[in-house]
Amino acid sequence: MAINAKCLYVVMMDVEPEKEAEFNEIYDKEHIPILLKVPGVLSAARYKTSEEGVPRYLAIYECESPDVPTGEAFRQASDTGEWAPKIRPFTRNRSRIVYTRITPQ
């Protein structure tokens, strides 16, 4: 991830411990590949922390514009596959933030 995009979409969350293995498998093998097919999504990367008091998982998506992660195509893609029925109900402390690049332009 080179972070040359005009927009970053940052998603943070926790997942119930008993669903953690399935969460990671579906996120890596299905959810991210589906989202990478959305026009305007340039790349994606996931991170995990062991720090207390913050969401454990972080995903960063590079996008061509701030309209991409809030658009219909992204919403439909995020509801596709096993993510919505099998994983989403077991996530918590979810935060979704769109950042727009301000420098260098």
PDB file of N, CA and C in Angstrom:
ATOM      1  N   MET A   1       0.853  -1.175   0.000  1.00  0.00           N
ATOM      2  CA  MET A   1       0.000   0.000   0.000  1.00  0.00           C
ATOM      3  C   MET A   1       0.892   1.229   0.000  1.00  0.00           C
ATOM      4  N   ALA A   2       0.854   1.981  -1.061  1.00  0.00           N
ATOM      5  CA  ALA A   2       1.728   3.137  -1.225  1.00  0.00           C
ATOM      6  C   ALA A   2       1.097   4.434  -0.733  1.00  0.00           C
ATOM      7  N   ILE A   3      -0.179   4.444  -0.484  1.00  0.00           N
ATOM      8  CA  ILE A   3      -0.943   5.606  -0.051  1.00  0.00           C
ATOM      9  C   ILE A   3      -0.723   6.795  -0.984  1.00  0.00           C
ATOM     10  N   ASN A   4      -1.078   6.581  -2.230  1.00  0.00           N
ATOM     11  CA  ASN A   4      -1.076   7.639  -3.225  1.00  0.00           C
ATOM     12  C   ASN A   4      -2.493   8.060  -3.578  1.00  0.00           C
ATOM     13  N   ALA A   5      -3.459   7.487  -2.921  1.00  0.00           N
ATOM     14  CA  ALA A   5      -4.861   7.730  -3.239  1.00  0.00           C
ATOM     15  C   ALA A   5      -5.326   9.082  -2.724  1.00  0.00           C
ATOM     16  N   LYS A   6      -6.421   9.545  -3.303  1.00  0.00           N
ATOM     17  CA  LYS A   6      -7.028  10.801  -2.872  1.00  0.00           C
ATOM     18  C   LYS A   6      -7.887  10.626  -1.629  1.00  0.00           C
ATOM     19  N   CYS A   7      -8.158   9.367  -1.295  1.00  0.00           N
ATOM     20  CA  CYS A   7      -9.062   9.093  -0.179  1.00  0.00           C
ATOM     21  C   CYS A   7      -8.649   7.796   0.513  1.00  0.00           C
ATOM     22  N   LEU A   8      -8.772   7.789   1.834  1.00  0.00           N
ATOM     23  CA  LEU A   8      -8.613   6.568   2.622  1.00  0.00           C
ATOM     24  C   LEU A   8      -9.929   6.303   3.336  1.00  0.00           C
ATOM     25  N   TYR A   9     -10.353   5.080   3.265  1.00  0.00           N
ATOM     26  CA  TYR A   9     -11.527   4.644   4.009  1.00  0.00           C
ATOM     27  C   TYR A   9     -11.003   3.717   5.098  1.00  0.00           C
ATOM     28  N   VAL A  10     -11.226   4.101   6.347  1.00  0.00           N
ATOM     29  CA  VAL A  10     -10.675   3.385   7.494  1.00  0.00           C
ATOM     30  C   VAL A  10     -11.823   2.741   8.264  1.00  0.00           C
ATOM     31  N   VAL A  11     -11.711   1.436   8.476  1.00  0.00           N
ATOM     32  CA  VAL A  11     -12.738   0.681   9.191  1.00  0.00           C
ATOM     33  C   VAL A  11     -12.068  -0.022  10.372  1.00  0.00           C
ATOM     34  N   MET A  12     -12.632   0.186  11.564  1.00  0.00           N
ATOM     35  CA  MET A  12     -12.104  -0.456  12.772  1.00  0.00           C
ATOM     36  C   MET A  12     -13.231  -1.224  13.443  1.00  0.00           C
ATOM     37  N   MET A  13     -12.885  -2.360  14.051  1.00  0.00           N
ATOM     38  CA  MET A  13     -13.911  -3.139  14.747  1.00  0.00           C
ATOM     39  C   MET A  13     -13.291  -4.217  15.619  1.00  0.00           C
ATOM     40  N   ASP A  14     -14.115  -4.746  16.479  1.00  0.00           N
ATOM     41  CA  ASP A  14     -13.810  -5.939  17.257  1.00  0.00           C
ATOM     42  C   ASP A  14     -14.747  -7.035  16.778  1.00  0.00           C
ATOM     43  N   VAL A  15     -14.397  -8.269  17.099  1.00  0.00           N
ATOM     44  CA  VAL A  15     -15.243  -9.407  16.753  1.00  0.00           C
ATOM     45  C   VAL A  15     -15.303 -10.330  17.965  1.00  0.00           C
ATOM     46  N   GLU A  16     -16.424 -10.988  18.119  1.00  0.00           N
ATOM     47  CA  GLU A  16     -16.571 -11.934  19.220  1.00  0.00           C
ATOM     48  C   GLU A  16     -15.473 -12.994  19.126  1.00  0.00           C
ATOM     49  N   PRO A  17     -14.830 -13.327  20.234  1.00  0.00           N
ATOM     50  CA  PRO A  17     -13.702 -14.274  20.199  1.00  0.00           C
ATOM     51  C   PRO A  17     -14.012 -15.603  19.521  1.00  0.00           C
ATOM     52  N   GLU A  18     -15.211 -16.133  19.717  1.00  0.00           N
ATOM     53  CA  GLU A  18     -15.533 -17.431  19.119  1.00  0.00           C
ATOM     54  C   GLU A  18     -15.700 -17.347  17.593  1.00  0.00           C
ATOM     55  N   LYS A  19     -15.773 -16.151  17.039  1.00  0.00           N
ATOM     56  CA  LYS A  19     -15.920 -15.962  15.592  1.00  0.00           C
ATOM     57  C   LYS A  19     -14.644 -15.430  14.940  1.00  0.00           C
ATOM     58  N   GLU A  20     -13.580 -15.249  15.707  1.00  0.00           N
ATOM     59  CA  GLU A  20     -12.374 -14.596  15.204  1.00  0.00           C
ATOM     60  C   GLU A  20     -11.732 -15.335  14.025  1.00  0.00           C
ATOM     61  N   ALA A  21     -11.600 -16.631  14.094  1.00  0.00           N
ATOM     62  CA  ALA A  21     -10.980 -17.385  12.996  1.00  0.00           C
ATOM     63  C   ALA A  21     -11.816 -17.260  11.721  1.00  0.00           C
ATOM     64  N   GLU A  22     -13.117 -17.414  11.843  1.00  0.00           N
ATOM     65  CA  GLU A  22     -13.999 -17.296  10.676  1.00  0.00           C
ATOM     66  C   GLU A  22     -14.005 -15.858  10.141  1.00  0.00           C
ATOM     67  N   PHE A  23     -13.995 -14.879  11.042  1.00  0.00           N
ATOM     68  CA  PHE A  23     -13.899 -13.466  10.678  1.00  0.00           C
ATOM     69  C   PHE A  23     -12.692 -13.224   9.780  1.00  0.00           C
ATOM     70  N   ASN A  24     -11.524 -13.683  10.216  1.00  0.00           N
ATOM     71  CA  ASN A  24     -10.296 -13.462   9.445  1.00  0.00           C
ATOM     72  C   ASN A  24     -10.319 -14.196   8.114  1.00  0.00           C
ATOM     73  N   GLU A  25     -10.810 -15.419   8.099  1.00  0.00           N
ATOM     74  CA  GLU A  25     -10.859 -16.182   6.854  1.00  0.00           C
ATOM     75  C   GLU A  25     -11.784 -15.528   5.833  1.00  0.00           C
ATOM     76  N   ILE A  26     -12.988 -15.163   6.257  1.00  0.00           N
ATOM     77  CA  ILE A  26     -13.944 -14.557   5.328  1.00  0.00           C
ATOM     78  C   ILE A  26     -13.469 -13.163   4.905  1.00  0.00           C
ATOM     79  N   TYR A  27     -12.911 -12.404   5.833  1.00  0.00           N
ATOM     80  CA  TYR A  27     -12.424 -11.063   5.481  1.00  0.00           C
ATOM     81  C   TYR A  27     -11.341 -11.153   4.416  1.00  0.00           C
ATOM     82  N   ASP A  28     -10.363 -12.038   4.626  1.00  0.00           N
ATOM     83  CA  ASP A  28      -9.225 -12.135   3.707  1.00  0.00           C
ATOM     84  C   ASP A  28      -9.563 -12.819   2.385  1.00  0.00           C
ATOM     85  N   LYS A  29     -10.336 -13.887   2.435  1.00  0.00           N
ATOM     86  CA  LYS A  29     -10.570 -14.687   1.234  1.00  0.00           C
ATOM     87  C   LYS A  29     -11.788 -14.261   0.428  1.00  0.00           C
ATOM     88  N   GLU A  30     -12.706 -13.525   1.062  1.00  0.00           N
ATOM     89  CA  GLU A  30     -13.926 -13.163   0.348  1.00  0.00           C
ATOM     90  C   GLU A  30     -14.206 -11.663   0.374  1.00  0.00           C
ATOM     91  N   HIS A  31     -14.263 -11.076   1.560  1.00  0.00           N
ATOM     92  CA  HIS A  31     -14.723  -9.690   1.695  1.00  0.00           C
ATOM     93  C   HIS A  31     -13.802  -8.705   0.968  1.00  0.00           C
ATOM     94  N   ILE A  32     -12.516  -8.748   1.247  1.00  0.00           N
ATOM     95  CA  ILE A  32     -11.597  -7.818   0.573  1.00  0.00           C
ATOM     96  C   ILE A  32     -11.572  -8.059  -0.934  1.00  0.00           C
ATOM     97  N   PRO A  33     -11.463  -9.292  -1.421  1.00  0.00           N
ATOM     98  CA  PRO A  33     -11.488  -9.472  -2.882  1.00  0.00           C
ATOM     99  C   PRO A  33     -12.753  -8.909  -3.541  1.00  0.00           C
ATOM    100  N   ILE A  34     -13.894  -9.032  -2.885  1.00  0.00           N
ATOM    101  CA  ILE A  34     -15.137  -8.465  -3.427  1.00  0.00           C
ATOM    102  C   ILE A  34     -15.042  -6.944  -3.461  1.00  0.00           C
ATOM    103  N   LEU A  35     -14.582  -6.332  -2.375  1.00  0.00           N
ATOM    104  CA  LEU A  35     -14.498  -4.870  -2.324  1.00  0.00           C
ATOM    105  C   LEU A  35     -13.466  -4.323  -3.298  1.00  0.00           C
ATOM    106  N   LEU A  36     -12.408  -5.069  -3.572  1.00  0.00           N
ATOM    107  CA  LEU A  36     -11.393  -4.609  -4.522  1.00  0.00           C
ATOM    108  C   LEU A  36     -11.923  -4.563  -5.959  1.00  0.00           C
ATOM    109  N   LYS A  37     -13.043  -5.196  -6.224  1.00  0.00           N
ATOM    110  CA  LYS A  37     -13.659  -5.144  -7.550  1.00  0.00           C
ATOM    111  C   LYS A  37     -14.535  -3.905  -7.741  1.00  0.00           C
ATOM    112  N   VAL A  38     -14.806  -3.170  -6.666  1.00  0.00           N
ATOM    113  CA  VAL A  38     -15.627  -1.964  -6.764  1.00  0.00           C
ATOM    114  C   VAL A  38     -14.825  -0.903  -7.515  1.00  0.00           C
ATOM    115  N   PRO A  39     -15.418  -0.305  -8.550  1.00  0.00           N
ATOM    116  CA  PRO A  39     -14.708   0.761  -9.261  1.00  0.00           C
ATOM    117  C   PRO A  39     -14.290   1.877  -8.293  1.00  0.00           C
ATOM    118  N   GLY A  40     -13.017   2.247  -8.368  1.00  0.00           N
ATOM    119  CA  GLY A  40     -12.496   3.308  -7.512  1.00  0.00           C
ATOM    120  C   GLY A  40     -11.773   2.828  -6.278  1.00  0.00           C
ATOM    121  N   VAL A  41     -11.889   1.543  -5.931  1.00  0.00           N
ATOM    122  CA  VAL A  41     -11.124   0.985  -4.820  1.00  0.00           C
ATOM    123  C   VAL A  41      -9.782   0.537  -5.382  1.00  0.00           C
ATOM    124  N   LEU A  42      -8.704   1.120  -4.879  1.00  0.00           N
ATOM    125  CA  LEU A  42      -7.373   0.883  -5.429  1.00  0.00           C
ATOM    126  C   LEU A  42      -6.604  -0.219  -4.710  1.00  0.00           C
ATOM    127  N   SER A  43      -6.738  -0.289  -3.393  1.00  0.00           N
ATOM    128  CA  SER A  43      -6.028  -1.308  -2.620  1.00  0.00           C
ATOM    129  C   SER A  43      -6.679  -1.428  -1.246  1.00  0.00           C
ATOM    130  N   ALA A  44      -6.278  -2.472  -0.543  1.00  0.00           N
ATOM    131  CA  ALA A  44      -6.784  -2.705   0.811  1.00  0.00           C
ATOM    132  C   ALA A  44      -5.701  -3.393   1.628  1.00  0.00           C
ATOM    133  N   ALA A  45      -5.687  -3.086   2.915  1.00  0.00           N
ATOM    134  CA  ALA A  45      -4.751  -3.733   3.837  1.00  0.00           C
ATOM    135  C   ALA A  45      -5.431  -3.850   5.189  1.00  0.00           C
ATOM    136  N   ARG A  46      -5.101  -4.925   5.917  1.00  0.00           N
ATOM    137  CA  ARG A  46      -5.679  -5.152   7.242  1.00  0.00           C
ATOM    138  C   ARG A  46      -4.577  -5.190   8.282  1.00  0.00           C
ATOM    139  N   TYR A  47      -4.935  -4.757   9.493  1.00  0.00           N
ATOM    140  CA  TYR A  47      -4.001  -4.719  10.613  1.00  0.00           C
ATOM    141  C   TYR A  47      -4.712  -5.174  11.873  1.00  0.00           C
ATOM    142  N   LYS A  48      -3.915  -5.566  12.855  1.00  0.00           N
ATOM    143  CA  LYS A  48      -4.446  -6.048  14.134  1.00  0.00           C
ATOM    144  C   LYS A  48      -3.560  -5.473  15.236  1.00  0.00           C
ATOM    145  N   THR A  49      -4.168  -5.081  16.338  1.00  0.00           N
ATOM    146  CA  THR A  49      -3.413  -4.579  17.476  1.00  0.00           C
ATOM    147  C   THR A  49      -3.688  -5.427  18.710  1.00  0.00           C
ATOM    148  N   SER A  50      -2.768  -5.383  19.639  1.00  0.00           N
ATOM    149  CA  SER A  50      -2.970  -6.039  20.933  1.00  0.00           C
ATOM    150  C   SER A  50      -3.209  -5.005  22.025  1.00  0.00           C
ATOM    151  N   GLU A  51      -3.253  -3.728  21.644  1.00  0.00           N
ATOM    152  CA  GLU A  51      -3.498  -2.666  22.623  1.00  0.00           C
ATOM    153  C   GLU A  51      -4.926  -2.741  23.146  1.00  0.00           C
ATOM    154  N   GLU A  52      -5.072  -2.394  24.403  1.00  0.00           N
ATOM    155  CA  GLU A  52      -6.390  -2.387  25.043  1.00  0.00           C
ATOM    156  C   GLU A  52      -7.084  -1.045  24.810  1.00  0.00           C
ATOM    157  N   GLY A  53      -8.411  -1.059  24.798  1.00  0.00           N
ATOM    158  CA  GLY A  53      -9.181   0.169  24.736  1.00  0.00           C
ATOM    159  C   GLY A  53      -9.443   0.715  23.338  1.00  0.00           C
ATOM    160  N   VAL A  54      -8.964   0.024  22.322  1.00  0.00           N
ATOM    161  CA  VAL A  54      -9.216   0.429  20.937  1.00  0.00           C
ATOM    162  C   VAL A  54      -9.681  -0.804  20.169  1.00  0.00           C
ATOM    163  N   PRO A  55     -10.400  -0.604  19.059  1.00  0.00           N
ATOM    164  CA  PRO A  55     -10.788  -1.776  18.272  1.00  0.00           C
ATOM    165  C   PRO A  55      -9.565  -2.582  17.845  1.00  0.00           C
ATOM    166  N   ARG A  56      -9.691  -3.879  17.877  1.00  0.00           N
ATOM    167  CA  ARG A  56      -8.567  -4.774  17.604  1.00  0.00           C
ATOM    168  C   ARG A  56      -8.189  -4.833  16.125  1.00  0.00           C
ATOM    169  N   TYR A  57      -9.177  -4.727  15.231  1.00  0.00           N
ATOM    170  CA  TYR A  57      -8.930  -4.871  13.800  1.00  0.00           C
ATOM    171  C   TYR A  57      -9.121  -3.547  13.067  1.00  0.00           C
ATOM    172  N   LEU A  58      -8.271  -3.355  12.056  1.00  0.00           N
ATOM    173  CA  LEU A  58      -8.290  -2.157  11.236  1.00  0.00           C
ATOM    174  C   LEU A  58      -8.140  -2.569   9.777  1.00  0.00           C
ATOM    175  N   ALA A  59      -8.968  -1.996   8.919  1.00  0.00           N
ATOM    176  CA  ALA A  59      -8.816  -2.172   7.472  1.00  0.00           C
ATOM    177  C   ALA A  59      -8.723  -0.789   6.855  1.00  0.00           C
ATOM    178  N   ILE A  60      -7.790  -0.634   5.920  1.00  0.00           N
ATOM    179  CA  ILE A  60      -7.612   0.637   5.222  1.00  0.00           C
ATOM    180  C   ILE A  60      -7.778   0.374   3.731  1.00  0.00           C
ATOM    181  N   TYR A  61      -8.683   1.130   3.126  1.00  0.00           N
ATOM    182  CA  TYR A  61      -8.926   1.023   1.696  1.00  0.00           C
ATOM    183  C   TYR A  61      -8.492   2.331   1.040  1.00  0.00           C
ATOM    184  N   GLU A  62      -7.639   2.241   0.025  1.00  0.00           N
ATOM    185  CA  GLU A  62      -7.290   3.404  -0.783  1.00  0.00           C
ATOM    186  C   GLU A  62      -8.349   3.532  -1.871  1.00  0.00           C
ATOM    187  N   CYS A  63      -8.874   4.743  -2.026  1.00  0.00           N
ATOM    188  CA  CYS A  63      -9.937   4.975  -3.001  1.00  0.00           C
ATOM    189  C   CYS A  63      -9.627   6.205  -3.850  1.00  0.00           C
ATOM    190  N   GLU A  64     -10.224   6.233  -5.034  1.00  0.00           N
ATOM    191  CA  GLU A  64     -10.024   7.351  -5.947  1.00  0.00           C
ATOM    192  C   GLU A  64     -10.717   8.620  -5.491  1.00  0.00           C
ATOM    193  N   SER A  65     -11.807   8.484  -4.725  1.00  0.00           N
ATOM    194  CA  SER A  65     -12.527   9.661  -4.236  1.00  0.00           C
ATOM    195  C   SER A  65     -13.310   9.296  -2.979  1.00  0.00           C
ATOM    196  N   PRO A  66     -13.705  10.302  -2.192  1.00  0.00           N
ATOM    197  CA  PRO A  66     -14.482  10.026  -0.979  1.00  0.00           C
ATOM    198  C   PRO A  66     -15.884   9.504  -1.268  1.00  0.00           C
ATOM    199  N   ASP A  67     -16.315   9.598  -2.523  1.00  0.00           N
ATOM    200  CA  ASP A  67     -17.628   9.075  -2.894  1.00  0.00           C
ATOM    201  C   ASP A  67     -17.630   7.555  -3.035  1.00  0.00           C
ATOM    202  N   VAL A  68     -16.471   6.957  -3.219  1.00  0.00           N
ATOM    203  CA  VAL A  68     -16.402   5.512  -3.457  1.00  0.00           C
ATOM    204  C   VAL A  68     -16.930   4.716  -2.266  1.00  0.00           C
ATOM    205  N   PRO A  69     -16.389   4.894  -1.040  1.00  0.00           N
ATOM    206  CA  PRO A  69     -16.867   4.051   0.063  1.00  0.00           C
ATOM    207  C   PRO A  69     -18.284   4.364   0.526  1.00  0.00           C
ATOM    208  N   THR A  70     -18.831   5.493   0.111  1.00  0.00           N
ATOM    209  CA  THR A  70     -20.202   5.835   0.492  1.00  0.00           C
ATOM    210  C   THR A  70     -21.189   5.568  -0.639  1.00  0.00           C
ATOM    211  N   GLY A  71     -20.679   5.065  -1.764  1.00  0.00           N
ATOM    212  CA  GLY A  71     -21.520   4.836  -2.928  1.00  0.00           C
ATOM    213  C   GLY A  71     -22.270   3.519  -2.899  1.00  0.00           C
ATOM    214  N   GLU A  72     -23.207   3.411  -3.805  1.00  0.00           N
ATOM    215  CA  GLU A  72     -24.066   2.225  -3.899  1.00  0.00           C
ATOM    216  C   GLU A  72     -23.278   0.967  -4.248  1.00  0.00           C
ATOM    217  N   ALA A  73     -22.299   1.068  -5.147  1.00  0.00           N
ATOM    218  CA  ALA A  73     -21.528  -0.109  -5.543  1.00  0.00           C
ATOM    219  C   ALA A  73     -20.758  -0.686  -4.360  1.00  0.00           C
ATOM    220  N   PHE A  74     -20.182   0.180  -3.540  1.00  0.00           N
ATOM    221  CA  PHE A  74     -19.444  -0.282  -2.366  1.00  0.00           C
ATOM    222  C   PHE A  74     -20.401  -0.910  -1.355  1.00  0.00           C
ATOM    223  N   ARG A  75     -21.548  -0.275  -1.147  1.00  0.00           N
ATOM    224  CA  ARG A  75     -22.526  -0.808  -0.199  1.00  0.00           C
ATOM    225  C   ARG A  75     -23.006  -2.189  -0.631  1.00  0.00           C
ATOM    226  N   GLN A  76     -23.311  -2.331  -1.907  1.00  0.00           N
ATOM    227  CA  GLN A  76     -23.767  -3.631  -2.405  1.00  0.00           C
ATOM    228  C   GLN A  76     -22.671  -4.687  -2.262  1.00  0.00           C
ATOM    229  N   ALA A  77     -21.443  -4.307  -2.574  1.00  0.00           N
ATOM    230  CA  ALA A  77     -20.332  -5.255  -2.456  1.00  0.00           C
ATOM    231  C   ALA A  77     -20.127  -5.676  -1.002  1.00  0.00           C
ATOM    232  N   SER A  78     -20.277  -4.739  -0.077  1.00  0.00           N
ATOM    233  CA  SER A  78     -20.056  -5.078   1.330  1.00  0.00           C
ATOM    234  C   SER A  78     -21.161  -5.980   1.894  1.00  0.00           C
ATOM    235  N   ASP A  79     -22.282  -6.034   1.204  1.00  0.00           N
ATOM    236  CA  ASP A  79     -23.377  -6.917   1.623  1.00  0.00           C
ATOM    237  C   ASP A  79     -23.363  -8.263   0.890  1.00  0.00           C
ATOM    238  N   THR A  80     -22.391  -8.461   0.006  1.00  0.00           N
ATOM    239  CA  THR A  80     -22.294  -9.668  -0.803  1.00  0.00           C
ATOM    240  C   THR A  80     -21.540 -10.766  -0.058  1.00  0.00           C
ATOM    241  N   GLY A  81     -21.906 -11.994  -0.304  1.00  0.00           N
ATOM    242  CA  GLY A  81     -21.178 -13.132   0.249  1.00  0.00           C
ATOM    243  C   GLY A  81     -21.542 -13.441   1.694  1.00  0.00           C
ATOM    244  N   GLU A  82     -20.618 -14.094   2.375  1.00  0.00           N
ATOM    245  CA  GLU A  82     -20.844 -14.579   3.739  1.00  0.00           C
ATOM    246  C   GLU A  82     -20.645 -13.502   4.811  1.00  0.00           C
ATOM    247  N   TRP A  83     -20.034 -12.386   4.433  1.00  0.00           N
ATOM    248  CA  TRP A  83     -19.720 -11.346   5.418  1.00  0.00           C
ATOM    249  C   TRP A  83     -20.965 -10.878   6.175  1.00  0.00           C
ATOM    250  N   ALA A  84     -21.963 -10.413   5.449  1.00  0.00           N
ATOM    251  CA  ALA A  84     -23.145  -9.832   6.097  1.00  0.00           C
ATOM    252  C   ALA A  84     -23.884 -10.819   7.001  1.00  0.00           C
ATOM    253  N   PRO A  85     -24.191 -12.037   6.541  1.00  0.00           N
ATOM    254  CA  PRO A  85     -24.962 -12.926   7.425  1.00  0.00           C
ATOM    255  C   PRO A  85     -24.145 -13.645   8.491  1.00  0.00           C
ATOM    256  N   LYS A  86     -22.887 -13.978   8.199  1.00  0.00           N
ATOM    257  CA  LYS A  86     -22.118 -14.816   9.117  1.00  0.00           C
ATOM    258  C   LYS A  86     -21.192 -14.052  10.051  1.00  0.00           C
ATOM    259  N   ILE A  87     -20.754 -12.856   9.673  1.00  0.00           N
ATOM    260  CA  ILE A  87     -19.742 -12.152  10.454  1.00  0.00           C
ATOM    261  C   ILE A  87     -20.247 -10.839  11.037  1.00  0.00           C
ATOM    262  N   ARG A  88     -20.851 -10.017  10.217  1.00  0.00           N
ATOM    263  CA  ARG A  88     -21.274  -8.679  10.669  1.00  0.00           C
ATOM    264  C   ARG A  88     -22.049  -8.703  11.994  1.00  0.00           C
ATOM    265  N   PRO A  89     -22.972  -9.648  12.215  1.00  0.00           N
ATOM    266  CA  PRO A  89     -23.712  -9.641  13.483  1.00  0.00           C
ATOM    267  C   PRO A  89     -22.822  -9.862  14.716  1.00  0.00           C
ATOM    268  N   PHE A  90     -21.622 -10.362  14.523  1.00  0.00           N
ATOM    269  CA  PHE A  90     -20.731 -10.658  15.644  1.00  0.00           C
ATOM    270  C   PHE A  90     -19.622  -9.617  15.807  1.00  0.00           C
ATOM    271  N   THR A  91     -19.733  -8.501  15.073  1.00  0.00           N
ATOM    272  CA  THR A  91     -18.757  -7.422  15.219  1.00  0.00           C
ATOM    273  C   THR A  91     -19.336  -6.356  16.140  1.00  0.00           C
ATOM    274  N   ARG A  92     -18.433  -5.596  16.746  1.00  0.00           N
ATOM    275  CA  ARG A  92     -18.847  -4.505  17.642  1.00  0.00           C
ATOM    276  C   ARG A  92     -17.767  -3.437  17.627  1.00  0.00           C
ATOM    277  N   ASN A  93     -18.040  -2.315  18.270  1.00  0.00           N
ATOM    278  CA  ASN A  93     -17.105  -1.185  18.307  1.00  0.00           C
ATOM    279  C   ASN A  93     -16.692  -0.778  16.896  1.00  0.00           C
ATOM    280  N   ARG A  94     -17.649  -0.836  15.977  1.00  0.00           N
ATOM    281  CA  ARG A  94     -17.345  -0.522  14.581  1.00  0.00           C
ATOM    282  C   ARG A  94     -17.269   0.975  14.361  1.00  0.00           C
ATOM    283  N   SER A  95     -16.273   1.355  13.599  1.00  0.00           N
ATOM    284  CA  SER A  95     -16.073   2.749  13.230  1.00  0.00           C
ATOM    285  C   SER A  95     -15.679   2.791  11.767  1.00  0.00           C
ATOM    286  N   ARG A  96     -16.310   3.661  11.000  1.00  0.00           N
ATOM    287  CA  ARG A  96     -15.995   3.823   9.584  1.00  0.00           C
ATOM    288  C   ARG A  96     -15.760   5.307   9.328  1.00  0.00           C
ATOM    289  N   ILE A  97     -14.581   5.625   8.805  1.00  0.00           N
ATOM    290  CA  ILE A  97     -14.200   7.027   8.605  1.00  0.00           C
ATOM    291  C   ILE A  97     -13.602   7.190   7.216  1.00  0.00           C
ATOM    292  N   VAL A  98     -14.021   8.246   6.513  1.00  0.00           N
ATOM    293  CA  VAL A  98     -13.458   8.590   5.219  1.00  0.00           C
ATOM    294  C   VAL A  98     -12.520   9.771   5.422  1.00  0.00           C
ATOM    295  N   TYR A  99     -11.272   9.622   4.970  1.00  0.00           N
ATOM    296  CA  TYR A  99     -10.287  10.696   5.017  1.00  0.00           C
ATOM    297  C   TYR A  99      -9.953  11.117   3.592  1.00  0.00           C
ATOM    298  N   THR A 100      -9.857  12.423   3.361  1.00  0.00           N
ATOM    299  CA  THR A 100      -9.487  12.956   2.059  1.00  0.00           C
ATOM    300  C   THR A 100      -8.082  13.528   2.142  1.00  0.00           C
ATOM    301  N   ARG A 101      -7.274  13.183   1.171  1.00  0.00           N
ATOM    302  CA  ARG A 101      -5.869  13.622   1.148  1.00  0.00           C
ATOM    303  C   ARG A 101      -5.800  15.132   1.008  1.00  0.00           C
ATOM    304  N   ILE A 102      -4.945  15.760   1.828  1.00  0.00           N
ATOM    305  CA  ILE A 102      -4.780  17.208   1.750  1.00  0.00           C
ATOM    306  C   ILE A 102      -3.376  17.613   1.312  1.00  0.00           C
ATOM    307  N   THR A 103      -2.395  16.715   1.469  1.00  0.00           N
ATOM    308  CA  THR A 103      -1.042  17.032   1.035  1.00  0.00           C
ATOM    309  C   THR A 103      -0.237  15.747   0.811  1.00  0.00           C
ATOM    310  N   PRO A 104       0.721  15.672  -0.059  1.00  0.00           N
ATOM    311  CA  PRO A 104       0.906  16.633  -1.165  1.00  0.00           C
ATOM    312  C   PRO A 104      -0.157  16.425  -2.220  1.00  0.00           C
ATOM    313  N   GLN A 105      -0.456  17.464  -2.930  1.00  0.00           N
ATOM    314  CA  GLN A 105      -1.521  17.390  -3.935  1.00  0.00           C
ATOM    315  C   GLN A 105      -0.959  17.207  -5.315  1.00  0.00           C
TER     316      GLN A 105
END
